[in-house]
């Protein structure tokens, strides 16, 4: 202890370079005014051609949402709480048992690059989190037409969608409950998008591209925890909730407060999530964050919008018929800064 105190005293008494300079007599000058750091621009892969034909891939991720063998946050109990011989299962909030080998064992994600995607231009990665009772092939690709809507937005955007609980009435977030998992997932997604594009020179472009989180229905839980503890707050440009706010309003309010000047929020809803949306608006109002209740002209930074779309009967087809046909394509087209154009000319 005595030695530690002596070392600390020595460090305080030892003249630093800054102290040494002040011993010389100099004319007093006005302190230099620090210039604001320039806003970083998205990395561009100059010289690389745009994608000629759309590219789609279903591939297993190391940083997948499932399998998950951790603890349920706040419940202090293991996620897999049922055993039948060698099989492990999870008891859902409805009391049903879903088995790991059937429901929580698909590591795949959907990757999609639309025709015309150009790594020589600023790009955006759309992370889509599907709802309950869904599979990537049947629902995300076909019924909800997420890749098609990305294409029809006309924007320079790539799509990545992890398989959550497979075709089950369960919103469990799996590994998105873990701190830092979103960052790990995005890093892997960037590498796999580069491989899908087919040229390693596009790697820096995807590594620097900001991320838009789109959650439908039960995807809200993965979105909420990804925003709160995912370790990639600086990468998230915006959040679009498609009748998806079934709880965790404080987590979404916390993200909005952190990114109130640089991010945007669009929450479109039916009567199914009306109470939760009103609660989130109240939380934001307390933080003096202004909100809109009509669809804005564009989803520019700082725009926070809550859009009521109708009754419960709309929920099942919300991804294709919310406030209009193909609402995701409309919303993506409203995000400024990502056109597939060079000096006014189409790149595809």
Protein backbone atom coordinates (compact mmCIF):
# COMPACT_ATOMS: atom_id res chain seq x y z
CA UNK A 1 0.00 0.00 0.00
CA UNK A 2 2.81 2.40 0.92
CA UNK A 3 4.57 1.68 -2.38
CA UNK A 4 1.31 2.40 -4.29
CA UNK A 5 0.88 5.79 -2.54
CA UNK A 6 4.49 6.74 -3.35
CA UNK A 7 4.01 5.86 -7.00
CA UNK A 8 0.86 7.99 -7.18
CA UNK A 9 2.62 10.96 -5.55
CA UNK A 10 5.52 10.55 -7.94
CA UNK A 11 3.19 10.59 -10.91
CA UNK A 12 1.54 13.78 -9.70
CA UNK A 13 4.88 15.55 -9.12
CA UNK A 14 6.55 14.38 -12.33
CA UNK A 15 6.43 17.15 -14.97
CA UNK A 16 4.59 16.15 -18.11
CA UNK A 17 5.37 17.45 -21.58
CA UNK A 18 2.51 19.88 -21.23
CA UNK A 19 3.83 21.15 -17.89
CA UNK A 20 7.34 21.54 -19.28
CA UNK A 21 6.12 23.77 -22.07
CA UNK A 22 4.30 26.08 -19.70
CA UNK A 23 7.57 26.90 -17.87
CA UNK A 24 8.75 28.81 -20.92
CA UNK A 25 7.54 32.36 -21.30
CA UNK A 26 5.33 32.71 -24.31
CA UNK A 27 3.01 35.34 -25.58
CA UNK A 28 -0.54 34.54 -24.67
CA UNK A 29 -2.60 33.60 -27.67
CA UNK A 30 -6.28 32.98 -28.05
CA UNK A 31 -7.18 29.29 -27.80
CA UNK A 32 -7.77 27.73 -31.17
CA UNK A 33 -11.39 27.06 -31.97
CA UNK A 34 -11.93 23.36 -32.48
CA UNK A 35 -13.68 22.49 -35.71
CA UNK A 36 -16.49 19.99 -35.54
CA UNK A 37 -15.48 16.53 -36.66
CA UNK A 38 -16.75 15.83 -40.17
CA UNK A 39 -19.61 13.39 -40.49
CA UNK A 40 -18.19 10.09 -41.75
CA UNK A 41 -19.35 9.15 -45.22
CA UNK A 42 -20.37 5.59 -46.04
CA UNK A 43 -17.59 3.54 -47.60
CA UNK A 44 -17.89 3.11 -51.36
CA UNK A 45 -16.27 0.45 -53.48
CA UNK A 46 -15.21 2.53 -56.47
CA UNK A 47 -14.89 0.66 -59.71
CA UNK A 48 -17.17 -2.24 -58.79
CA UNK A 49 -20.21 -2.83 -61.02
CA UNK A 50 -23.82 -2.95 -59.81
CA UNK A 51 -25.57 -6.29 -59.43
CA UNK A 52 -26.97 -7.32 -62.80
CA UNK A 53 -29.48 -9.89 -61.52
CA UNK A 54 -30.94 -10.18 -58.03
CA UNK A 55 -29.00 -12.53 -55.74
CA UNK A 56 -30.66 -14.60 -53.00
CA UNK A 57 -29.13 -16.96 -50.48
CA UNK A 58 -30.28 -18.96 -47.46
CA UNK A 59 -27.21 -19.71 -45.38
CA UNK A 60 -26.39 -20.82 -41.84
CA UNK A 61 -24.91 -18.13 -39.62
CA UNK A 62 -22.49 -18.60 -36.75
CA UNK A 63 -24.16 -15.61 -35.02
CA UNK A 64 -27.66 -17.02 -35.51
CA UNK A 65 -30.65 -16.27 -33.29
CA UNK A 66 -30.93 -19.95 -32.35
CA UNK A 67 -29.99 -22.42 -30.86
CA UNK A 68 -30.02 -20.58 -27.54
CA UNK A 69 -29.15 -22.21 -24.23
CA UNK A 70 -29.01 -19.22 -21.96
CA UNK A 71 -31.26 -17.59 -19.39
CA UNK A 72 -34.46 -15.68 -20.15
CA UNK A 73 -33.77 -12.05 -19.13
CA UNK A 74 -35.81 -11.02 -16.11
CA UNK A 75 -37.16 -14.53 -15.52
CA UNK A 76 -34.04 -16.03 -13.91
CA UNK A 77 -34.71 -19.42 -15.49
CA UNK A 78 -33.20 -21.31 -18.40
CA UNK A 79 -34.77 -20.88 -21.80
CA UNK A 80 -34.84 -24.65 -22.32
CA UNK A 81 -36.83 -25.66 -19.25
CA UNK A 82 -38.33 -28.98 -20.38
CA UNK A 83 -36.62 -32.32 -20.90
CA UNK A 84 -37.99 -35.47 -22.49
CA UNK A 85 -35.21 -38.01 -22.68
CA UNK A 86 -32.52 -36.35 -24.79
CA UNK A 87 -34.90 -33.70 -26.15
CA UNK A 88 -34.93 -30.20 -24.70
CA UNK A 89 -37.83 -27.80 -25.00
CA UNK A 90 -39.09 -24.34 -24.08
CA UNK A 91 -42.38 -23.48 -22.43
CA UNK A 92 -43.88 -20.51 -24.26
CA UNK A 93 -45.93 -17.73 -22.65
CA UNK A 94 -49.06 -19.60 -23.78
CA UNK A 95 -47.96 -22.70 -21.89
CA UNK A 96 -47.12 -24.72 -25.00
CA UNK A 97 -43.86 -26.66 -25.25
CA UNK A 98 -41.73 -26.09 -28.35
CA UNK A 99 -38.83 -28.47 -28.88
CA UNK A 100 -35.34 -27.26 -29.65
CA UNK A 101 -34.73 -29.70 -32.51
CA UNK A 102 -37.88 -28.52 -34.31
CA UNK A 103 -38.31 -24.88 -33.37
CA UNK A 104 -35.00 -23.45 -32.15
CA UNK A 105 -32.37 -25.13 -34.29
CA UNK A 106 -32.40 -23.28 -37.64
CA UNK A 107 -29.26 -21.18 -38.00
CA UNK A 108 -30.11 -19.82 -41.43
CA UNK A 109 -30.57 -16.24 -42.55
CA UNK A 110 -31.95 -14.92 -45.80
CA UNK A 111 -29.57 -12.69 -47.77
CA UNK A 112 -30.77 -10.63 -50.72
CA UNK A 113 -29.15 -8.14 -53.09
CA UNK A 114 -31.60 -6.57 -55.58
CA UNK A 115 -30.70 -6.03 -59.20
CA UNK A 116 -28.96 -2.69 -59.48
CA UNK A 117 -27.41 -2.78 -56.00
CA UNK A 118 -24.23 -0.76 -56.33
CA UNK A 119 -21.36 -0.95 -53.81
CA UNK A 120 -19.93 2.20 -55.39
CA UNK A 121 -22.83 4.13 -53.80
CA UNK A 122 -23.98 4.53 -50.19
CA UNK A 123 -25.89 1.43 -49.12
CA UNK A 124 -28.23 0.44 -46.31
CA UNK A 125 -28.62 -3.01 -44.74
CA UNK A 126 -32.25 -3.85 -43.93
CA UNK A 127 -32.50 -6.28 -41.00
CA UNK A 128 -35.95 -7.87 -41.06
CA UNK A 129 -37.26 -9.64 -37.94
CA UNK A 130 -40.31 -11.75 -38.78
CA UNK A 131 -43.24 -12.46 -36.48
CA UNK A 132 -44.65 -15.61 -34.93
CA UNK A 133 -45.56 -18.67 -36.96
CA UNK A 134 -43.17 -17.85 -39.78
CA UNK A 135 -40.47 -19.42 -41.93
CA UNK A 136 -38.05 -17.62 -44.21
CA UNK A 137 -39.13 -19.47 -47.36
CA UNK A 138 -42.91 -19.49 -46.97
CA UNK A 139 -43.54 -16.18 -45.20
CA UNK A 140 -40.63 -13.74 -45.50
CA UNK A 141 -39.86 -14.55 -49.14
CA UNK A 142 -43.32 -15.35 -50.51
CA UNK A 143 -46.29 -14.32 -48.38
CA UNK A 144 -44.82 -11.04 -47.09
CA UNK A 145 -42.73 -10.50 -50.25
CA UNK A 146 -39.94 -8.75 -48.37
CA UNK A 147 -37.27 -9.19 -51.08
CA UNK A 148 -39.66 -7.96 -53.76
CA UNK A 149 -40.52 -4.90 -51.70
CA UNK A 150 -36.84 -4.12 -51.20
CA UNK A 151 -36.41 -4.27 -54.98
CA UNK A 152 -39.47 -2.15 -55.70
CA UNK A 153 -38.32 0.57 -53.31
CA UNK A 154 -35.73 1.45 -55.95
CA UNK A 155 -33.17 2.04 -53.22
CA UNK A 156 -29.58 0.84 -52.82
CA UNK A 157 -30.47 -1.54 -49.99
CA UNK A 158 -29.48 -5.08 -49.07
CA UNK A 159 -31.65 -7.44 -47.03
CA UNK A 160 -30.76 -9.83 -44.24
CA UNK A 161 -33.39 -11.75 -42.25
CA UNK A 162 -32.59 -14.30 -39.54
CA UNK A 163 -34.83 -17.27 -38.87
CA UNK A 164 -36.29 -16.83 -35.39
CA UNK A 165 -38.57 -19.47 -33.82
CA UNK A 166 -39.57 -21.75 -36.70
CA UNK A 167 -43.30 -21.69 -37.49
CA UNK A 168 -44.20 -21.29 -33.81
CA UNK A 169 -46.39 -19.06 -31.65
CA UNK A 170 -43.34 -17.70 -29.82
CA UNK A 171 -41.55 -14.34 -29.90
CA UNK A 172 -38.40 -15.46 -28.05
CA UNK A 173 -35.33 -13.43 -29.01
CA UNK A 174 -32.79 -16.21 -28.52
CA UNK A 175 -29.24 -14.95 -28.85
CA UNK A 176 -30.49 -11.41 -29.45
CA UNK A 177 -31.02 -11.45 -25.68
CA UNK A 178 -27.23 -11.62 -25.30
CA UNK A 179 -25.24 -8.39 -24.93
CA UNK A 180 -23.34 -7.58 -28.12
CA UNK A 181 -25.09 -10.15 -30.28
CA UNK A 182 -26.54 -7.62 -32.74
CA UNK A 183 -23.04 -6.30 -33.45
CA UNK A 184 -21.76 -9.83 -34.04
CA UNK A 185 -24.71 -10.61 -36.32
CA UNK A 186 -24.25 -7.44 -38.38
CA UNK A 187 -20.51 -8.10 -38.76
CA UNK A 188 -21.20 -11.59 -40.07
CA UNK A 189 -24.00 -10.33 -42.31
CA UNK A 190 -21.63 -7.77 -43.86
CA UNK A 191 -19.08 -10.47 -44.68
CA UNK A 192 -21.69 -12.80 -46.14
CA UNK A 193 -23.21 -10.00 -48.23
CA UNK A 194 -19.73 -9.31 -49.59
CA UNK A 195 -19.39 -12.99 -50.53
CA UNK A 196 -22.84 -12.96 -52.09
CA UNK A 197 -21.86 -9.92 -54.15
CA UNK A 198 -18.78 -11.85 -55.22
CA UNK A 199 -15.85 -9.46 -54.72
CA UNK A 200 -13.88 -8.94 -51.53
CA UNK A 201 -13.27 -5.33 -52.49
CA UNK A 202 -16.90 -4.70 -51.53
CA UNK A 203 -16.12 -5.70 -47.93
CA UNK A 204 -15.43 -2.19 -46.55
CA UNK A 205 -18.66 -0.98 -48.15
CA UNK A 206 -20.83 -3.53 -46.33
CA UNK A 207 -18.82 -3.19 -43.11
CA UNK A 208 -19.58 0.54 -43.00
CA UNK A 209 -23.19 0.45 -44.20
CA UNK A 210 -25.74 1.62 -41.62
CA UNK A 211 -28.56 -0.70 -40.57
CA UNK A 212 -32.33 -0.32 -40.60
CA UNK A 213 -34.26 -2.63 -38.27
CA UNK A 214 -37.71 -3.65 -39.50
CA UNK A 215 -39.79 -5.75 -37.10
CA UNK A 216 -43.16 -7.30 -37.77
CA UNK A 217 -45.48 -8.58 -35.02
CA UNK A 218 -43.53 -10.89 -32.67
CA UNK A 219 -40.22 -9.63 -34.04
CA UNK A 220 -40.53 -6.76 -31.57
CA UNK A 221 -38.76 -8.67 -28.79
CA UNK A 222 -35.61 -9.32 -30.82
CA UNK A 223 -35.67 -5.68 -31.96
CA UNK A 224 -36.07 -4.31 -28.44
CA UNK A 225 -33.17 -6.27 -26.97
CA UNK A 226 -31.00 -5.68 -30.03
CA UNK A 227 -31.47 -1.94 -29.57
CA UNK A 228 -30.91 -1.98 -25.82
CA UNK A 229 -27.92 -4.32 -25.52
CA UNK A 230 -26.90 -5.31 -29.04
CA UNK A 231 -23.72 -3.24 -29.03
CA UNK A 232 -24.38 -1.54 -32.39
CA UNK A 233 -26.36 1.59 -31.52
CA UNK A 234 -24.10 3.70 -33.75
CA UNK A 235 -24.93 1.53 -36.78
CA UNK A 236 -28.73 1.77 -36.48
CA UNK A 237 -30.09 4.44 -38.81
CA UNK A 238 -33.76 3.78 -38.11
CA UNK A 239 -36.44 1.45 -36.81
CA UNK A 240 -39.68 0.50 -38.57
CA UNK A 241 -42.27 -1.33 -36.45
CA UNK A 242 -45.04 -2.99 -38.43
CA UNK A 243 -47.82 -3.65 -35.90
CA UNK A 244 -45.01 -4.91 -33.72
CA UNK A 245 -45.03 -2.97 -30.47
CA UNK A 246 -46.34 -5.63 -28.10
CA UNK A 247 -44.23 -4.44 -25.18
CA UNK A 248 -40.76 -3.25 -24.13
CA UNK A 249 -41.69 0.36 -24.83
CA UNK A 250 -38.95 1.60 -22.48
CA UNK A 251 -36.27 -0.05 -24.60
CA UNK A 252 -37.50 1.61 -27.77
CA UNK A 253 -37.83 4.95 -25.98
CA UNK A 254 -34.26 4.61 -24.76
CA UNK A 255 -32.96 4.07 -28.29
CA UNK A 256 -34.97 7.01 -29.65
CA UNK A 257 -33.59 9.28 -26.92
CA UNK A 258 -30.05 8.25 -27.82
CA UNK A 259 -30.55 8.77 -31.56
CA UNK A 260 -33.13 11.57 -31.57
CA UNK A 261 -31.10 13.68 -34.01
CA UNK A 262 -29.52 10.98 -36.13
CA UNK A 263 -32.13 8.19 -36.33
CA UNK A 264 -35.81 7.82 -37.18
CA UNK A 265 -38.75 5.75 -35.99
CA UNK A 266 -41.85 4.72 -37.90
CA UNK A 267 -44.39 2.66 -35.97
CA UNK A 268 -47.45 1.67 -38.01
CA UNK A 269 -50.10 -0.18 -36.03
CA UNK A 270 -53.59 -1.62 -35.75
CA UNK A 271 -55.83 -1.79 -32.70
CA UNK A 272 -53.76 -4.83 -31.71
CA UNK A 273 -50.89 -2.63 -30.48
CA UNK A 274 -52.65 0.71 -30.04
CA UNK A 275 -52.16 0.89 -26.25
CA UNK A 276 -48.44 0.16 -26.46
CA UNK A 277 -47.97 2.75 -29.21
CA UNK A 278 -49.77 5.38 -27.16
CA UNK A 279 -47.57 4.50 -24.20
CA UNK A 280 -44.39 4.87 -26.25
CA UNK A 281 -45.57 8.24 -27.54
CA UNK A 282 -46.16 9.34 -23.95
CA UNK A 283 -42.66 8.24 -22.98
CA UNK A 284 -41.17 10.22 -25.85
CA UNK A 285 -43.26 13.27 -25.01
CA UNK A 286 -41.82 13.21 -21.47
CA UNK A 287 -38.37 13.29 -23.07
CA UNK A 288 -39.46 16.29 -25.18
CA UNK A 289 -39.24 14.34 -28.41
CA UNK A 290 -41.78 15.49 -30.99
CA UNK A 291 -43.85 12.84 -32.79
CA UNK A 292 -45.98 12.89 -35.95
CA UNK A 293 -49.27 11.04 -36.49
CA UNK A 294 -49.35 11.22 -40.29
CA UNK A 295 -47.04 9.65 -42.84
CA UNK A 296 -44.22 12.14 -43.47
CA UNK A 297 -42.83 13.05 -46.87
CA UNK A 298 -39.55 11.37 -45.97
CA UNK A 299 -37.99 9.49 -43.09
CA UNK A 300 -35.18 11.94 -42.44
CA UNK A 301 -33.08 11.90 -39.24
CA UNK A 302 -35.08 13.01 -36.22
CA UNK A 303 -38.46 11.96 -37.66
CA UNK A 304 -40.58 9.99 -35.17
CA UNK A 305 -43.93 8.84 -36.59
CA UNK A 306 -46.85 6.81 -35.22
CA UNK A 307 -49.35 5.79 -37.86
CA UNK A 308 -52.73 4.26 -37.00
CA UNK A 309 -53.88 1.92 -39.78
CA UNK A 310 -57.09 0.24 -38.66
CA UNK A 311 -58.53 -2.78 -36.90
CA UNK A 312 -57.25 -6.16 -35.76
CA UNK A 313 -58.32 -7.87 -38.98
CA UNK A 314 -55.45 -6.14 -40.81
CA UNK A 315 -52.69 -7.69 -38.74
CA UNK A 316 -52.15 -10.88 -40.75
CA UNK A 317 -51.53 -9.05 -44.04
CA UNK A 318 -49.95 -5.98 -42.53
CA UNK A 319 -46.62 -6.38 -44.34
CA UNK A 320 -48.38 -6.16 -47.70
CA UNK A 321 -51.47 -4.05 -46.87
CA UNK A 322 -50.88 -1.66 -43.97
CA UNK A 323 -51.59 1.99 -44.88
CA UNK A 324 -51.45 0.91 -48.53
CA UNK A 325 -50.20 -1.85 -50.80
CA UNK A 326 -46.57 -2.90 -50.23
CA UNK A 327 -46.02 -0.51 -47.33
CA UNK A 328 -42.43 -1.59 -46.74
CA UNK A 329 -41.49 -0.66 -50.29
CA UNK A 330 -43.10 2.75 -49.71
CA UNK A 331 -41.31 3.27 -46.40
CA UNK A 332 -37.90 2.28 -47.77
CA UNK A 333 -38.38 4.67 -50.70
CA UNK A 334 -38.91 7.49 -48.18
CA UNK A 335 -35.42 7.16 -46.67
CA UNK A 336 -33.17 9.83 -48.22
CA UNK A 337 -29.59 9.19 -49.29
CA UNK A 338 -29.70 5.76 -50.94
CA UNK A 339 -30.77 6.07 -54.59
CA UNK A 340 -29.42 3.60 -57.15
CA UNK A 341 -28.29 6.52 -59.28
CA UNK A 342 -25.10 8.22 -60.37
CA UNK A 343 -25.55 11.83 -61.47
CA UNK A 344 -29.20 11.25 -62.16
CA UNK A 345 -28.70 8.09 -64.21
CA UNK A 346 -29.92 4.64 -63.18
CA UNK A 347 -27.08 2.26 -62.38
CA UNK A 348 -28.83 -1.01 -63.14
